[in-house]
PDB file of all heavy atoms in Angstrom:
ATOM      1  N   SER A   1      -6.439  27.834  -6.124  1.00  0.00           N
ATOM      2  CA  SER A   1      -6.215  26.983  -7.304  1.00  0.00           C
ATOM      3  C   SER A   1      -6.745  25.546  -7.085  1.00  0.00           C
ATOM      4  O   SER A   1      -7.100  25.165  -5.991  1.00  0.00           O
ATOM      5  CB  SER A   1      -4.723  26.922  -7.611  1.00  0.00           C
ATOM      6  OG  SER A   1      -4.009  26.415  -6.483  1.00  0.00           O
ATOM      7  N   ASP A   2      -6.848  24.818  -8.202  1.00  0.00           N
ATOM      8  CA  ASP A   2      -7.340  23.452  -8.096  1.00  0.00           C
ATOM      9  C   ASP A   2      -6.346  22.540  -7.337  1.00  0.00           C
ATOM     10  O   ASP A   2      -6.840  21.585  -6.689  1.00  0.00           O
ATOM     11  CB  ASP A   2      -7.539  22.871  -9.501  1.00  0.00           C
ATOM     12  CG  ASP A   2      -8.536  23.697 -10.301  1.00  0.00           C
ATOM     13  OD1 ASP A   2      -9.451  24.280  -9.705  1.00  0.00           O
ATOM     14  OD2 ASP A   2      -8.462  23.679 -11.576  1.00  0.00           O
ATOM     15  N   ALA A   3      -5.113  22.741  -7.479  1.00  0.00           N
ATOM     16  CA  ALA A   3      -4.096  21.951  -6.808  1.00  0.00           C
ATOM     17  C   ALA A   3      -2.799  22.703  -6.815  1.00  0.00           C
ATOM     18  O   ALA A   3      -2.645  23.779  -7.408  1.00  0.00           O
ATOM     19  CB  ALA A   3      -3.980  20.597  -7.570  1.00  0.00           C
ATOM     20  N   ILE A   4      -1.797  22.128  -6.126  1.00  0.00           N
ATOM     21  CA  ILE A   4      -0.482  22.800  -6.062  1.00  0.00           C
ATOM     22  C   ILE A   4       0.624  21.815  -6.537  1.00  0.00           C
ATOM     23  O   ILE A   4       0.463  20.623  -6.562  1.00  0.00           O
ATOM     24  CB  ILE A   4      -0.144  23.286  -4.680  1.00  0.00           C
ATOM     25  CG1 ILE A   4       0.178  22.063  -3.714  1.00  0.00           C
ATOM     26  CG2 ILE A   4      -1.246  24.154  -4.095  1.00  0.00           C
ATOM     27  CD1 ILE A   4       0.817  22.457  -2.384  1.00  0.00           C
ATOM     28  N   ILE A   5       1.691  22.463  -6.949  1.00  0.00           N
ATOM     29  CA  ILE A   5       2.974  21.741  -7.222  1.00  0.00           C
ATOM     30  C   ILE A   5       3.937  22.231  -6.132  1.00  0.00           C
ATOM     31  O   ILE A   5       4.187  23.436  -6.003  1.00  0.00           O
ATOM     32  CB  ILE A   5       3.536  22.052  -8.592  1.00  0.00           C
ATOM     33  CG1 ILE A   5       2.583  21.439  -9.674  1.00  0.00           C
ATOM     34  CG2 ILE A   5       4.937  21.432  -8.767  1.00  0.00           C
ATOM     35  CD1 ILE A   5       2.946  21.776 -11.086  1.00  0.00           C
ATOM     36  N   LEU A   6       4.423  21.293  -5.307  1.00  0.00           N
ATOM     37  CA  LEU A   6       5.199  21.675  -4.127  1.00  0.00           C
ATOM     38  C   LEU A   6       6.664  21.540  -4.466  1.00  0.00           C
ATOM     39  O   LEU A   6       7.185  20.465  -4.833  1.00  0.00           O
ATOM     40  CB  LEU A   6       4.833  20.746  -2.976  1.00  0.00           C
ATOM     41  CG  LEU A   6       5.510  21.049  -1.627  1.00  0.00           C
ATOM     42  CD1 LEU A   6       4.996  22.375  -1.083  1.00  0.00           C
ATOM     43  CD2 LEU A   6       5.194  19.918  -0.592  1.00  0.00           C
ATOM     44  N   ALA A   7       7.374  22.683  -4.349  1.00  0.00           N
ATOM     45  CA  ALA A   7       8.829  22.663  -4.607  1.00  0.00           C
ATOM     46  C   ALA A   7       9.608  22.563  -3.266  1.00  0.00           C
ATOM     47  O   ALA A   7       9.387  23.360  -2.406  1.00  0.00           O
ATOM     48  CB  ALA A   7       9.207  23.953  -5.401  1.00  0.00           C
ATOM     49  N   THR A   8      10.487  21.583  -3.263  1.00  0.00           N
ATOM     50  CA  THR A   8      11.236  21.355  -1.981  1.00  0.00           C
ATOM     51  C   THR A   8      12.682  21.069  -2.375  1.00  0.00           C
ATOM     52  O   THR A   8      13.008  20.916  -3.536  1.00  0.00           O
ATOM     53  CB  THR A   8      10.665  20.212  -1.164  1.00  0.00           C
ATOM     54  OG1 THR A   8      11.332  20.118   0.075  1.00  0.00           O
ATOM     55  CG2 THR A   8      10.743  18.879  -1.896  1.00  0.00           C
ATOM     56  N   GLY A   9      13.549  21.048  -1.409  1.00  0.00           N
ATOM     57  CA  GLY A   9      14.956  20.767  -1.785  1.00  0.00           C
ATOM     58  C   GLY A   9      15.946  20.890  -0.645  1.00  0.00           C
ATOM     59  O   GLY A   9      15.602  21.072   0.515  1.00  0.00           O
ATOM     60  N   ALA A  10      17.213  20.904  -1.038  1.00  0.00           N
ATOM     61  CA  ALA A  10      18.324  20.826  -0.050  1.00  0.00           C
ATOM     62  C   ALA A  10      18.413  22.036   0.847  1.00  0.00           C
ATOM     63  O   ALA A  10      18.944  22.031   1.917  1.00  0.00           O
ATOM     64  CB  ALA A  10      19.634  20.653  -0.830  1.00  0.00           C
ATOM     65  N   VAL A  11      17.778  23.189   0.385  1.00  0.00           N
ATOM     66  CA  VAL A  11      17.858  24.410   1.184  1.00  0.00           C
ATOM     67  C   VAL A  11      17.239  24.194   2.560  1.00  0.00           C
ATOM     68  O   VAL A  11      17.562  24.912   3.517  1.00  0.00           O
ATOM     69  CB  VAL A  11      17.141  25.579   0.420  1.00  0.00           C
ATOM     70  CG1 VAL A  11      15.655  25.324   0.396  1.00  0.00           C
ATOM     71  CG2 VAL A  11      17.483  26.897   1.060  1.00  0.00           C
ATOM     72  N   LEU A  12      16.351  23.184   2.738  1.00  0.00           N
ATOM     73  CA  LEU A  12      15.712  22.996   4.018  1.00  0.00           C
ATOM     74  C   LEU A  12      16.640  22.480   5.072  1.00  0.00           C
ATOM     75  O   LEU A  12      16.473  22.802   6.260  1.00  0.00           O
ATOM     76  CB  LEU A  12      14.549  21.983   3.838  1.00  0.00           C
ATOM     77  CG  LEU A  12      13.357  22.362   2.945  1.00  0.00           C
ATOM     78  CD1 LEU A  12      12.334  21.283   2.982  1.00  0.00           C
ATOM     79  CD2 LEU A  12      12.764  23.667   3.328  1.00  0.00           C
ATOM     80  N   SER A  13      17.641  21.715   4.706  1.00  0.00           N
ATOM     81  CA  SER A  13      18.531  21.092   5.683  1.00  0.00           C
ATOM     82  C   SER A  13      19.730  20.472   5.021  1.00  0.00           C
ATOM     83  O   SER A  13      19.664  20.073   3.844  1.00  0.00           O
ATOM     84  CB  SER A  13      17.807  19.999   6.479  1.00  0.00           C
ATOM     85  OG  SER A  13      18.669  19.296   7.348  1.00  0.00           O
ATOM     86  N   ARG A  14      20.804  20.400   5.707  1.00  0.00           N
ATOM     87  CA  ARG A  14      22.011  19.675   5.187  1.00  0.00           C
ATOM     88  C   ARG A  14      21.829  18.157   5.204  1.00  0.00           C
ATOM     89  O   ARG A  14      22.602  17.419   4.659  1.00  0.00           O
ATOM     90  CB  ARG A  14      23.278  20.087   6.012  1.00  0.00           C
ATOM     91  CG  ARG A  14      23.770  21.522   5.744  1.00  0.00           C
ATOM     92  CD  ARG A  14      24.970  21.847   6.574  1.00  0.00           C
ATOM     93  NE  ARG A  14      25.432  23.185   6.249  1.00  0.00           N
ATOM     94  CZ  ARG A  14      26.312  23.474   5.291  1.00  0.00           C
ATOM     95  NH1 ARG A  14      26.821  22.547   4.558  1.00  0.00           N
ATOM     96  NH2 ARG A  14      26.659  24.718   5.070  1.00  0.00           N
ATOM     97  N   ARG A  15      20.808  17.713   6.009  1.00  0.00           N
ATOM     98  CA  ARG A  15      20.554  16.298   6.085  1.00  0.00           C
ATOM     99  C   ARG A  15      19.376  15.948   5.096  1.00  0.00           C
ATOM    100  O   ARG A  15      18.271  16.478   5.246  1.00  0.00           O
ATOM    101  CB  ARG A  15      20.145  15.900   7.504  1.00  0.00           C
ATOM    102  CG  ARG A  15      21.297  15.929   8.499  1.00  0.00           C
ATOM    103  CD  ARG A  15      20.968  15.214   9.755  1.00  0.00           C
ATOM    104  NE  ARG A  15      19.715  15.654  10.406  1.00  0.00           N
ATOM    105  CZ  ARG A  15      18.598  14.918  10.408  1.00  0.00           C
ATOM    106  NH1 ARG A  15      18.537  13.716   9.890  1.00  0.00           N
ATOM    107  NH2 ARG A  15      17.518  15.415  11.005  1.00  0.00           N
ATOM    108  N   MET A  16      19.661  15.045   4.170  1.00  0.00           N
ATOM    109  CA  MET A  16      18.640  14.688   3.215  1.00  0.00           C
ATOM    110  C   MET A  16      17.372  14.123   3.912  1.00  0.00           C
ATOM    111  O   MET A  16      16.299  14.437   3.496  1.00  0.00           O
ATOM    112  CB  MET A  16      19.214  13.677   2.233  1.00  0.00           C
ATOM    113  CG  MET A  16      18.216  13.222   1.165  1.00  0.00           C
ATOM    114  SD  MET A  16      18.792  11.941   0.058  1.00  0.00           S
ATOM    115  CE  MET A  16      20.194  12.734  -0.765  1.00  0.00           C
ATOM    116  N   GLN A  17      17.603  13.285   4.941  1.00  0.00           N
ATOM    117  CA  GLN A  17      16.482  12.699   5.620  1.00  0.00           C
ATOM    118  C   GLN A  17      15.566  13.749   6.235  1.00  0.00           C
ATOM    119  O   GLN A  17      14.343  13.590   6.288  1.00  0.00           O
ATOM    120  CB  GLN A  17      16.980  11.682   6.678  1.00  0.00           C
ATOM    121  CG  GLN A  17      15.855  10.774   7.246  1.00  0.00           C
ATOM    122  CD  GLN A  17      15.140  10.005   6.165  1.00  0.00           C
ATOM    123  OE1 GLN A  17      15.785   9.536   5.194  1.00  0.00           O
ATOM    124  NE2 GLN A  17      13.807   9.881   6.279  1.00  0.00           N
ATOM    125  N   LYS A  18      16.165  14.800   6.709  1.00  0.00           N
ATOM    126  CA  LYS A  18      15.375  15.881   7.302  1.00  0.00           C
ATOM    127  C   LYS A  18      14.537  16.600   6.233  1.00  0.00           C
ATOM    128  O   LYS A  18      13.352  16.942   6.451  1.00  0.00           O
ATOM    129  CB  LYS A  18      16.297  16.899   7.995  1.00  0.00           C
ATOM    130  CG  LYS A  18      15.742  18.213   8.435  1.00  0.00           C
ATOM    131  CD  LYS A  18      14.833  18.054   9.683  1.00  0.00           C
ATOM    132  CE  LYS A  18      14.433  19.376  10.205  1.00  0.00           C
ATOM    133  NZ  LYS A  18      13.321  19.306  11.120  1.00  0.00           N
ATOM    134  N   VAL A  19      15.127  16.792   5.069  1.00  0.00           N
ATOM    135  CA  VAL A  19      14.382  17.380   3.919  1.00  0.00           C
ATOM    136  C   VAL A  19      13.167  16.528   3.576  1.00  0.00           C
ATOM    137  O   VAL A  19      12.011  17.010   3.364  1.00  0.00           O
ATOM    138  CB  VAL A  19      15.275  17.550   2.720  1.00  0.00           C
ATOM    139  CG1 VAL A  19      14.483  18.000   1.477  1.00  0.00           C
ATOM    140  CG2 VAL A  19      16.410  18.512   3.010  1.00  0.00           C
ATOM    141  N   VAL A  20      13.414  15.220   3.492  1.00  0.00           N
ATOM    142  CA  VAL A  20      12.338  14.248   3.116  1.00  0.00           C
ATOM    143  C   VAL A  20      11.252  14.256   4.232  1.00  0.00           C
ATOM    144  O   VAL A  20      10.082  14.308   3.930  1.00  0.00           O
ATOM    145  CB  VAL A  20      12.885  12.808   2.909  1.00  0.00           C
ATOM    146  CG1 VAL A  20      11.831  11.814   2.755  1.00  0.00           C
ATOM    147  CG2 VAL A  20      13.851  12.823   1.766  1.00  0.00           C
ATOM    148  N   GLU A  21      11.646  14.210   5.496  1.00  0.00           N
ATOM    149  CA  GLU A  21      10.700  14.200   6.584  1.00  0.00           C
ATOM    150  C   GLU A  21       9.852  15.475   6.626  1.00  0.00           C
ATOM    151  O   GLU A  21       8.625  15.398   6.814  1.00  0.00           O
ATOM    152  CB  GLU A  21      11.436  14.007   7.956  1.00  0.00           C
ATOM    153  CG  GLU A  21      12.010  12.616   8.111  1.00  0.00           C
ATOM    154  CD  GLU A  21      12.802  12.485   9.391  1.00  0.00           C
ATOM    155  OE1 GLU A  21      12.933  13.529  10.098  1.00  0.00           O
ATOM    156  OE2 GLU A  21      13.322  11.397   9.691  1.00  0.00           O
ATOM    157  N   ASP A  22      10.464  16.627   6.474  1.00  0.00           N
ATOM    158  CA  ASP A  22       9.760  17.860   6.506  1.00  0.00           C
ATOM    159  C   ASP A  22       8.723  17.965   5.374  1.00  0.00           C
ATOM    160  O   ASP A  22       7.661  18.491   5.509  1.00  0.00           O
ATOM    161  CB  ASP A  22      10.706  19.057   6.480  1.00  0.00           C
ATOM    162  CG  ASP A  22      11.430  19.254   7.813  1.00  0.00           C
ATOM    163  OD1 ASP A  22      11.093  18.532   8.782  1.00  0.00           O
ATOM    164  OD2 ASP A  22      12.328  20.136   7.873  1.00  0.00           O
ATOM    165  N   THR A  23       9.152  17.521   4.174  1.00  0.00           N
ATOM    166  CA  THR A  23       8.313  17.562   3.016  1.00  0.00           C
ATOM    167  C   THR A  23       7.122  16.605   3.238  1.00  0.00           C
ATOM    168  O   THR A  23       5.981  17.003   2.906  1.00  0.00           O
ATOM    169  CB  THR A  23       9.057  17.227   1.734  1.00  0.00           C
ATOM    170  OG1 THR A  23      10.222  18.070   1.586  1.00  0.00           O
ATOM    171  CG2 THR A  23       8.186  17.367   0.517  1.00  0.00           C
ATOM    172  N   ALA A  24       7.419  15.414   3.629  1.00  0.00           N
ATOM    173  CA  ALA A  24       6.358  14.433   3.907  1.00  0.00           C
ATOM    174  C   ALA A  24       5.353  14.962   4.897  1.00  0.00           C
ATOM    175  O   ALA A  24       4.115  14.694   4.832  1.00  0.00           O
ATOM    176  CB  ALA A  24       6.929  13.053   4.323  1.00  0.00           C
ATOM    177  N   HIS A  25       5.877  15.650   5.924  1.00  0.00           N
ATOM    178  CA  HIS A  25       4.964  16.246   6.970  1.00  0.00           C
ATOM    179  C   HIS A  25       4.001  17.237   6.360  1.00  0.00           C
ATOM    180  O   HIS A  25       2.790  17.209   6.646  1.00  0.00           O
ATOM    181  CB  HIS A  25       5.813  16.893   8.078  1.00  0.00           C
ATOM    182  CG  HIS A  25       5.039  17.662   9.141  1.00  0.00           C
ATOM    183  ND1 HIS A  25       4.035  17.078   9.854  1.00  0.00           N
ATOM    184  CD2 HIS A  25       5.064  18.958   9.468  1.00  0.00           C
ATOM    185  CE1 HIS A  25       3.541  17.945  10.681  1.00  0.00           C
ATOM    186  NE2 HIS A  25       4.111  19.110  10.438  1.00  0.00           N
ATOM    187  N   VAL A  26       4.500  18.122   5.525  1.00  0.00           N
ATOM    188  CA  VAL A  26       3.629  19.108   4.854  1.00  0.00           C
ATOM    189  C   VAL A  26       2.576  18.379   3.991  1.00  0.00           C
ATOM    190  O   VAL A  26       1.441  18.771   3.941  1.00  0.00           O
ATOM    191  CB  VAL A  26       4.461  20.137   4.027  1.00  0.00           C
ATOM    192  CG1 VAL A  26       3.562  20.973   3.143  1.00  0.00           C
ATOM    193  CG2 VAL A  26       5.259  21.050   4.943  1.00  0.00           C
ATOM    194  N   VAL A  27       3.043  17.368   3.232  1.00  0.00           N
ATOM    195  CA  VAL A  27       2.109  16.632   2.421  1.00  0.00           C
ATOM    196  C   VAL A  27       1.030  15.986   3.250  1.00  0.00           C
ATOM    197  O   VAL A  27      -0.170  16.068   2.921  1.00  0.00           O
ATOM    198  CB  VAL A  27       2.889  15.572   1.585  1.00  0.00           C
ATOM    199  CG1 VAL A  27       1.856  14.640   0.868  1.00  0.00           C
ATOM    200  CG2 VAL A  27       3.769  16.215   0.573  1.00  0.00           C
ATOM    201  N   ASN A  28       1.407  15.402   4.359  1.00  0.00           N
ATOM    202  CA  ASN A  28       0.389  14.786   5.280  1.00  0.00           C
ATOM    203  C   ASN A  28      -0.576  15.797   5.869  1.00  0.00           C
ATOM    204  O   ASN A  28      -1.779  15.538   5.924  1.00  0.00           O
ATOM    205  CB  ASN A  28       1.117  13.993   6.390  1.00  0.00           C
ATOM    206  CG  ASN A  28       1.791  12.772   5.898  1.00  0.00           C
ATOM    207  OD1 ASN A  28       1.365  12.125   4.902  1.00  0.00           O
ATOM    208  ND2 ASN A  28       2.844  12.344   6.579  1.00  0.00           N
ATOM    209  N   LEU A  29      -0.051  16.966   6.208  1.00  0.00           N
ATOM    210  CA  LEU A  29      -0.902  18.066   6.737  1.00  0.00           C
ATOM    211  C   LEU A  29      -1.925  18.474   5.674  1.00  0.00           C
ATOM    212  O   LEU A  29      -3.124  18.693   5.959  1.00  0.00           O
ATOM    213  CB  LEU A  29      -0.085  19.241   7.169  1.00  0.00           C
ATOM    214  CG  LEU A  29       0.695  19.139   8.431  1.00  0.00           C
ATOM    215  CD1 LEU A  29       1.366  20.447   8.759  1.00  0.00           C
ATOM    216  CD2 LEU A  29      -0.197  18.729   9.645  1.00  0.00           C
ATOM    217  N   TYR A  30      -1.460  18.620   4.415  1.00  0.00           N
ATOM    218  CA  TYR A  30      -2.352  19.107   3.357  1.00  0.00           C
ATOM    219  C   TYR A  30      -3.425  18.054   3.017  1.00  0.00           C
ATOM    220  O   TYR A  30      -4.434  18.356   2.451  1.00  0.00           O
ATOM    221  CB  TYR A  30      -1.510  19.405   2.086  1.00  0.00           C
ATOM    222  CG  TYR A  30      -0.773  20.730   2.157  1.00  0.00           C
ATOM    223  CD1 TYR A  30      -0.755  21.465   3.323  1.00  0.00           C
ATOM    224  CD2 TYR A  30      -0.116  21.218   1.082  1.00  0.00           C
ATOM    225  CE1 TYR A  30      -0.052  22.617   3.376  1.00  0.00           C
ATOM    226  CE2 TYR A  30       0.558  22.446   1.094  1.00  0.00           C
ATOM    227  CZ  TYR A  30       0.612  23.140   2.279  1.00  0.00           C
ATOM    228  OH  TYR A  30       1.302  24.352   2.376  1.00  0.00           O
TER     229      TYR A  30
END
């Protein structure tokens, strides 16, 4: 596809900061 829409959320961790960090990491990798 031309681009993606990335869906993320609380399911990743009980810590909000961990969710944010993991999502930002994937964004940086991409």
